Amino acid sequence: MPTELKRFYGKGHLHFITFSCYRRLPLLKTARARDVFMKEPSKIRDEMGFRLAGYVVMPEHVHLLVSEPKQGIPSSVLQRLKLRVSRRLRKRRRSGSANHLRMLDAQLAKLLGLTKP
């Protein structure tokens, strides 16, 4: 980040924010991932008191047009949003993959004759 960068808050202006997914991976390409993402801004908006004027969700990045929150700064809104969405997506992926692995283990054990018929 440049050291001379100045941010101006407290004027009630809208802020255009763009962020990308980790390594620009298309983590938001599925309908489920987009649905998980779209549930969070309204919850955070109620908690922090900002306006969400517009948004665009692409497979590997997101554009937001937000007002300043009553408490904090726009980057704190973004931090909370990204943290919640990433935790929810990882939580769902982990539970699904664990069940999938158990099912594969059972099938493999059956194929190798390690289980009783």
Protein backbone atom coordinates (compact mmCIF):
# COMPACT_ATOMS: atom_id res chain seq x y z
CA MET A 1 0.00 0.00 0.00
CA PRO A 2 1.27 3.49 -0.75
CA THR A 3 2.29 5.44 2.33
CA GLU A 4 0.86 8.72 1.00
CA LEU A 5 -2.64 7.29 0.59
CA LYS A 6 -5.24 9.43 2.36
CA ARG A 7 -8.73 8.28 3.16
CA PHE A 8 -11.50 10.73 3.93
CA TYR A 9 -14.30 9.58 6.21
CA GLY A 10 -17.04 11.35 8.09
CA LYS A 11 -18.63 13.22 5.19
CA GLY A 12 -21.43 10.69 4.62
CA HIS A 13 -20.28 9.91 1.08
CA LEU A 14 -20.77 6.63 -0.73
CA HIS A 15 -17.71 4.43 -1.13
CA PHE A 16 -17.08 2.17 -4.13
CA ILE A 17 -15.30 -0.94 -2.88
CA THR A 18 -13.94 -3.80 -4.97
CA PHE A 19 -12.39 -6.93 -3.57
CA SER A 20 -11.36 -10.22 -5.08
CA CYS A 21 -11.38 -13.77 -3.80
CA TYR A 22 -8.24 -15.49 -2.59
CA ARG A 23 -5.78 -15.67 -5.52
CA ARG A 24 -8.68 -14.55 -7.75
CA LEU A 25 -10.14 -18.04 -7.58
CA PRO A 26 -13.78 -18.28 -8.74
CA LEU A 27 -15.06 -19.08 -5.23
CA LEU A 28 -18.41 -17.36 -5.86
CA LYS A 29 -19.25 -19.16 -9.11
CA THR A 30 -21.87 -21.51 -7.67
CA ALA A 31 -25.40 -20.44 -6.81
CA ARG A 32 -24.93 -21.77 -3.25
CA ALA A 33 -21.83 -19.64 -2.68
CA ARG A 34 -23.56 -16.53 -4.05
CA ASP A 35 -26.60 -17.21 -1.85
CA VAL A 36 -24.38 -17.52 1.23
CA PHE A 37 -22.68 -14.24 0.29
CA MET A 38 -25.94 -12.35 -0.37
CA LYS A 39 -27.48 -13.18 3.01
CA GLU A 40 -24.75 -11.41 4.95
CA PRO A 41 -24.84 -7.76 3.78
CA SER A 42 -28.37 -7.20 5.08
CA LYS A 43 -27.47 -8.65 8.49
CA ILE A 44 -24.33 -6.53 8.74
CA ARG A 45 -26.23 -3.47 7.46
CA ASP A 46 -28.69 -3.81 10.36
CA GLU A 47 -25.85 -4.22 12.87
CA MET A 48 -23.60 -1.41 11.67
CA GLY A 49 -26.09 1.05 10.20
CA PHE A 50 -24.89 1.67 6.65
CA ARG A 51 -26.67 1.80 3.28
CA LEU A 52 -25.96 -0.71 0.56
CA ALA A 53 -26.67 1.29 -2.59
CA GLY A 54 -25.58 -1.37 -5.06
CA TYR A 55 -23.51 -4.47 -5.61
CA VAL A 56 -22.26 -6.83 -8.31
CA VAL A 57 -21.15 -10.36 -7.46
CA MET A 58 -18.85 -11.97 -10.02
CA PRO A 59 -17.27 -15.46 -9.73
CA GLU A 60 -13.91 -14.12 -8.50
CA HIS A 61 -14.63 -10.59 -7.27
CA VAL A 62 -17.30 -8.29 -5.81
CA HIS A 63 -18.16 -4.60 -6.25
CA LEU A 64 -20.01 -2.77 -3.45
CA LEU A 65 -21.38 0.76 -3.22
CA VAL A 66 -21.86 1.49 0.49
CA SER A 67 -22.35 4.49 2.70
CA GLU A 68 -20.31 5.08 5.82
CA PRO A 69 -21.52 3.05 8.79
CA LYS A 70 -22.76 4.74 11.95
CA GLN A 71 -20.01 2.93 13.84
CA GLY A 72 -16.60 2.39 12.30
CA ILE A 73 -15.39 2.91 8.75
CA PRO A 74 -16.20 1.17 5.44
CA SER A 75 -13.21 -1.14 5.78
CA SER A 76 -14.67 -2.51 9.05
CA VAL A 77 -17.87 -3.36 7.12
CA LEU A 78 -15.81 -5.16 4.51
CA GLN A 79 -13.78 -7.00 7.15
CA ARG A 80 -16.91 -8.27 8.88
CA LEU A 81 -18.55 -9.26 5.59
CA LYS A 82 -15.57 -11.20 4.27
CA LEU A 83 -14.96 -12.94 7.59
CA ARG A 84 -18.53 -14.15 7.97
CA VAL A 85 -18.90 -15.29 4.37
CA SER A 86 -15.59 -17.16 4.36
CA ARG A 87 -16.43 -18.91 7.64
CA ARG A 88 -19.84 -19.98 6.38
CA LEU A 89 -18.50 -21.25 3.07
CA ARG A 90 -15.67 -23.17 4.73
CA LYS A 91 -18.02 -24.61 7.36
CA ARG A 92 -20.40 -25.97 4.74
CA ARG A 93 -17.60 -27.29 2.55
CA ARG A 94 -15.93 -29.07 5.49
CA SER A 95 -19.10 -30.80 6.64
CA GLY A 96 -19.91 -31.92 3.11
CA SER A 97 -16.41 -33.18 2.39
CA ALA A 98 -16.22 -35.07 5.70
CA ASN A 99 -19.43 -36.94 4.88
CA HIS A 100 -18.14 -37.62 1.40
CA LEU A 101 -14.87 -39.03 2.77
CA ARG A 102 -16.70 -41.31 5.20
CA MET A 103 -18.82 -42.64 2.36
CA LEU A 104 -15.72 -43.30 0.24
CA ASP A 105 -14.01 -45.06 3.15
CA ALA A 106 -17.03 -47.33 3.60
CA GLN A 107 -17.15 -48.15 -0.11
CA LEU A 108 -13.41 -48.86 -0.20
CA ALA A 109 -13.63 -51.11 2.86
CA LYS A 110 -16.49 -53.02 1.23
CA LEU A 111 -14.52 -53.46 -2.01
CA LEU A 112 -11.46 -54.74 -0.13
CA GLY A 113 -13.57 -57.16 1.92
CA LEU A 114 -12.76 -55.47 5.22
CA THR A 115 -16.38 -55.32 6.34
CA LYS A 116 -18.81 -58.13 7.10
CA PRO A 117 -21.55 -58.63 4.50
